[in-house]
Amino acid sequence: MVAQDFKVDLNKALVFQVGHLGEAYQEWVHQPIVCKEGPRFFENEFWEFLTRTVWWAVPVIWLPVVFYSISMSVRMGHGFPEIALMVFAGIFVWTLLEYTLHRFLFHIETKSYWGNTAHYLLHGCHHKHPMDGLRLVFPPAATAVLCVPFWNLVKLISVPSVTPALFGGGLLGYVMYDCTHYYLHHGQPSSDVPRNLKKYHLNHHFRIQDKGFGITSSIWDRVFGTLPQSKAAKKDR
């Protein structure tokens, strides 16, 4: 199904085109188009609708789930210090999951028709159109599906009374991640910490795309050796 010398038509629905690029897909998808207007994914209006998500849908939908999950552990007898520790642990686990997914799944190299198609839907679209504000946060339907294995994983490694708060902490970490990610692309930070984080993330998009996988922090890039080299350090070599 891969076509030789295939050219993508940006004026047509993209999802079922990109697979035809074959090995050329990796180069194509990492040449970003800076435009706030995103491309069309599907001809079908229903499927097209499911690909678009406003950023504020993430906290509106998932924060009530976070609070309900935490309240379950409270009702099982845990006090504030224990709950705080569980939530913090959940957020910490999320930061590692965020890094791992971004590095090993979102940046997997594909060349088959269906591999390219799946990758474009998962993350390639974001690298091709990094300023598309309606395809920046994860669609709620997809998040709901992924919550099931995450809940089961947390359930496997913790006791029943801890599971809800730990899960809630992980989900809170996800909400912080998606809102931060949107802000790094569309916000105009005035203080040093968010400004440096924005610079760090946009560096991943526009300069060194195989490093700098952390979104909410660079901690795991430092731990696992994927911290991008600065321009100044490169010039000194």
Protein backbone atom coordinates (compact mmCIF):
# COMPACT_ATOMS: atom_id res chain seq x y z
CA MET A 1 0.00 0.00 0.00
CA VAL A 2 3.07 2.26 0.11
CA ALA A 3 3.33 4.35 -3.07
CA GLN A 4 6.62 5.37 -4.67
CA ASP A 5 7.30 9.14 -4.76
CA PHE A 6 3.94 9.83 -3.09
CA LYS A 7 3.11 13.47 -2.35
CA VAL A 8 0.73 14.41 0.45
CA ASP A 9 -2.03 16.82 -0.54
CA LEU A 10 -2.51 19.12 2.49
CA ASN A 11 -5.84 20.29 1.11
CA LYS A 12 -7.36 16.82 1.51
CA ALA A 13 -8.00 14.63 4.57
CA LEU A 14 -4.56 13.50 5.74
CA VAL A 15 -4.93 10.39 7.85
CA PHE A 16 -5.27 7.87 5.03
CA GLN A 17 -2.68 9.64 2.89
CA VAL A 18 0.37 9.57 5.19
CA GLY A 19 0.70 5.79 5.17
CA HIS A 20 1.61 5.91 1.49
CA LEU A 21 4.81 7.82 2.29
CA GLY A 22 6.54 4.64 3.48
CA GLU A 23 10.10 5.30 4.67
CA ALA A 24 9.78 8.96 3.65
CA TYR A 25 7.17 9.47 6.37
CA GLN A 26 9.73 10.06 9.15
CA GLU A 27 11.39 12.91 7.30
CA TRP A 28 8.04 14.41 6.23
CA VAL A 29 6.43 14.33 9.68
CA HIS A 30 9.42 16.03 11.32
CA GLN A 31 9.27 19.04 9.02
CA PRO A 32 6.79 21.18 10.99
CA ILE A 33 4.23 23.52 9.44
CA VAL A 34 3.68 26.47 11.77
CA CYS A 35 0.02 27.39 11.39
CA LYS A 36 -2.75 27.74 13.98
CA GLU A 37 -5.26 26.29 11.53
CA GLY A 38 -4.95 22.51 11.67
CA PRO A 39 -5.44 20.18 8.70
CA ARG A 40 -8.43 17.98 8.07
CA PHE A 41 -7.95 14.40 9.25
CA PHE A 42 -11.05 12.57 8.01
CA GLU A 43 -13.69 13.11 5.34
CA ASN A 44 -16.31 11.77 7.77
CA GLU A 45 -17.60 14.58 10.01
CA PHE A 46 -18.11 12.37 13.07
CA TRP A 47 -14.55 11.02 13.09
CA GLU A 48 -13.22 14.49 12.34
CA PHE A 49 -15.11 15.84 15.36
CA LEU A 50 -13.51 13.22 17.65
CA THR A 51 -10.01 14.41 16.69
CA ARG A 52 -10.62 17.97 17.95
CA THR A 53 -10.44 18.81 21.67
CA VAL A 54 -10.40 22.21 23.38
CA TRP A 55 -7.75 22.37 26.11
CA TRP A 56 -10.16 23.21 28.93
CA ALA A 57 -12.08 19.96 28.37
CA VAL A 58 -9.21 18.13 30.10
CA PRO A 59 -9.57 19.75 33.57
CA VAL A 60 -13.37 20.01 33.29
CA ILE A 61 -13.76 16.28 32.57
CA TRP A 62 -10.94 14.75 34.59
CA LEU A 63 -10.54 16.86 37.75
CA PRO A 64 -13.91 15.59 39.13
CA VAL A 65 -12.63 12.05 38.57
CA VAL A 66 -9.41 12.96 40.39
CA PHE A 67 -11.29 14.34 43.40
CA TYR A 68 -13.71 11.42 43.49
CA SER A 69 -10.85 8.91 43.37
CA ILE A 70 -9.02 10.64 46.20
CA SER A 71 -12.21 10.83 48.26
CA MET A 72 -12.56 7.04 48.01
CA SER A 73 -9.28 6.58 49.87
CA VAL A 74 -10.36 9.22 52.42
CA ARG A 75 -13.57 7.28 53.08
CA MET A 76 -11.47 4.16 53.60
CA GLY A 77 -9.81 5.80 56.60
CA HIS A 78 -6.66 7.53 55.33
CA GLY A 79 -5.75 10.91 56.82
CA PHE A 80 -4.42 14.00 55.07
CA PRO A 81 -0.67 13.22 55.34
CA GLU A 82 -1.18 9.74 53.85
CA ILE A 83 -3.47 11.05 51.09
CA ALA A 84 -0.97 13.79 50.21
CA LEU A 85 1.81 11.20 49.97
CA MET A 86 -0.29 8.93 47.74
CA VAL A 87 -1.24 11.79 45.42
CA PHE A 88 2.36 12.97 45.20
CA ALA A 89 3.47 9.39 44.44
CA GLY A 90 0.86 9.19 41.68
CA ILE A 91 2.08 12.44 40.13
CA PHE A 92 5.68 11.18 40.34
CA VAL A 93 4.72 7.93 38.59
CA TRP A 94 2.96 9.96 35.89
CA THR A 95 6.13 12.00 35.16
CA LEU A 96 8.01 8.77 34.40
CA LEU A 97 5.09 7.45 32.34
CA GLU A 98 4.94 10.76 30.44
CA TYR A 99 8.63 10.48 29.55
CA THR A 100 8.46 6.78 28.68
CA LEU A 101 5.42 7.09 26.42
CA HIS A 102 6.81 10.14 24.65
CA ARG A 103 10.22 8.62 24.04
CA PHE A 104 9.44 5.00 23.20
CA LEU A 105 5.87 5.06 21.81
CA PHE A 106 5.22 8.55 20.44
CA HIS A 107 8.62 8.60 18.72
CA ILE A 108 8.64 5.05 17.43
CA GLU A 109 9.90 4.89 13.84
CA THR A 110 7.45 3.47 11.33
CA LYS A 111 7.47 2.87 7.58
CA SER A 112 4.51 0.59 6.82
CA TYR A 113 1.18 2.01 5.67
CA TRP A 114 -0.72 1.23 8.87
CA GLY A 115 2.27 1.98 11.09
CA ASN A 116 2.59 5.47 9.61
CA THR A 117 -1.16 6.01 9.82
CA ALA A 118 -1.32 4.99 13.51
CA HIS A 119 1.74 7.06 14.39
CA TYR A 120 0.33 10.14 12.68
CA LEU A 121 -2.88 9.85 14.66
CA LEU A 122 -1.02 9.23 17.92
CA HIS A 123 1.68 11.89 17.79
CA GLY A 124 2.94 12.57 14.28
CA CYS A 125 0.15 15.09 13.63
CA HIS A 126 1.43 17.16 16.57
CA HIS A 127 4.95 17.31 15.17
CA LYS A 128 3.73 18.15 11.69
CA HIS A 129 1.32 20.87 12.91
CA PRO A 130 2.68 21.80 16.39
CA MET A 131 0.49 24.90 16.74
CA ASP A 132 -2.83 23.17 16.02
CA GLY A 133 -4.61 24.09 19.24
CA LEU A 134 -7.47 21.62 18.79
CA ARG A 135 -5.17 18.60 18.43
CA LEU A 136 -2.76 19.31 21.23
CA VAL A 137 -4.40 17.72 24.27
CA PHE A 138 -5.43 14.07 24.34
CA PRO A 139 -9.06 13.40 23.29
CA PRO A 140 -11.21 12.43 26.33
CA ALA A 141 -12.47 9.22 24.71
CA ALA A 142 -8.90 7.99 24.22
CA THR A 143 -7.96 9.00 27.77
CA ALA A 144 -10.94 7.07 29.15
CA VAL A 145 -9.78 3.92 27.34
CA LEU A 146 -6.22 4.31 28.68
CA CYS A 147 -7.48 4.87 32.24
CA VAL A 148 -8.54 1.21 32.40
CA PRO A 149 -5.05 -0.36 32.11
CA PHE A 150 -3.62 2.45 34.29
CA TRP A 151 -6.16 1.66 37.04
CA ASN A 152 -5.35 -2.05 36.78
CA LEU A 153 -1.62 -1.33 36.98
CA VAL A 154 -2.07 0.80 40.10
CA LYS A 155 -4.34 -1.86 41.58
CA LEU A 156 -1.64 -4.45 40.98
CA ILE A 157 1.07 -2.55 42.85
CA SER A 158 -0.95 -1.19 45.78
CA VAL A 159 -3.49 -2.21 48.42
CA PRO A 160 -7.23 -1.53 47.84
CA SER A 161 -7.45 1.55 50.08
CA VAL A 162 -4.41 3.17 48.43
CA THR A 163 -5.35 2.42 44.82
CA PRO A 164 -7.93 5.23 44.33
CA ALA A 165 -5.72 8.05 45.68
CA LEU A 166 -2.67 6.77 43.82
CA PHE A 167 -4.73 6.56 40.63
CA GLY A 168 -6.13 10.04 41.32
CA GLY A 169 -2.62 11.39 41.72
CA GLY A 170 -1.55 9.85 38.43
CA LEU A 171 -4.61 11.30 36.71
CA LEU A 172 -3.89 14.69 38.26
CA GLY A 173 -0.37 14.41 36.85
CA TYR A 174 -1.89 13.81 33.43
CA VAL A 175 -4.16 16.88 33.73
CA MET A 176 -1.15 19.00 34.74
CA TYR A 177 0.80 17.59 31.80
CA ASP A 178 -1.83 18.30 29.14
CA CYS A 179 -2.58 21.82 30.42
CA THR A 180 1.14 22.57 30.67
CA HIS A 181 1.70 21.21 27.18
CA TYR A 182 -0.99 23.47 25.75
CA TYR A 183 0.42 26.48 27.59
CA LEU A 184 3.94 25.82 26.32
CA HIS A 185 2.66 26.05 22.75
CA HIS A 186 0.15 28.88 23.07
CA GLY A 187 0.95 30.77 26.28
CA GLN A 188 3.29 33.73 26.67
CA PRO A 189 5.12 33.12 29.97
CA SER A 190 6.60 36.15 31.71
CA SER A 191 8.60 34.42 34.47
CA ASP A 192 11.79 32.42 34.08
CA VAL A 193 10.61 28.89 34.94
CA PRO A 194 7.73 28.59 32.43
CA ARG A 195 9.70 30.60 29.85
CA ASN A 196 12.62 28.17 30.07
CA LEU A 197 10.23 25.20 29.95
CA LYS A 198 8.60 26.62 26.80
CA LYS A 199 12.01 27.12 25.19
CA TYR A 200 12.99 23.57 26.21
CA HIS A 201 9.89 22.04 24.65
CA LEU A 202 9.90 24.08 21.44
CA ASN A 203 13.54 23.07 21.06
CA HIS A 204 12.24 19.47 20.89
CA HIS A 205 9.88 20.45 18.08
CA PHE A 206 12.07 22.67 15.95
CA ARG A 207 15.72 21.79 16.61
CA ILE A 208 16.47 18.40 18.23
CA GLN A 209 13.43 16.13 17.92
CA ASP A 210 15.11 12.97 19.20
CA LYS A 211 15.88 14.44 22.64
CA GLY A 212 14.04 16.47 25.29
CA PHE A 213 11.09 14.13 25.84
CA GLY A 214 9.97 15.62 29.16
CA ILE A 215 7.06 18.07 28.99
CA THR A 216 6.37 19.12 32.57
CA SER A 217 10.03 18.81 33.55
CA SER A 218 13.44 17.76 32.23
CA ILE A 219 14.22 15.46 35.19
CA TRP A 220 13.95 12.15 33.32
CA ASP A 221 15.88 13.51 30.34
CA ARG A 222 18.69 14.22 32.79
CA VAL A 223 18.41 10.76 34.37
CA PHE A 224 18.35 8.83 31.08
CA GLY A 225 20.77 10.96 29.06
CA THR A 226 18.35 12.50 26.57
CA LEU A 227 18.91 16.10 27.60
CA PRO A 228 19.49 18.11 24.40
CA GLN A 229 22.77 19.92 24.06
CA SER A 230 22.57 23.70 24.10
CA LYS A 231 23.63 25.75 21.09
CA ALA A 232 26.44 27.28 23.12
CA ALA A 233 27.80 23.85 24.10
CA LYS A 234 27.69 22.75 20.46
CA LYS A 235 29.72 25.77 19.35
CA ASP A 236 32.38 25.07 22.00
CA ARG A 237 33.03 21.58 20.68
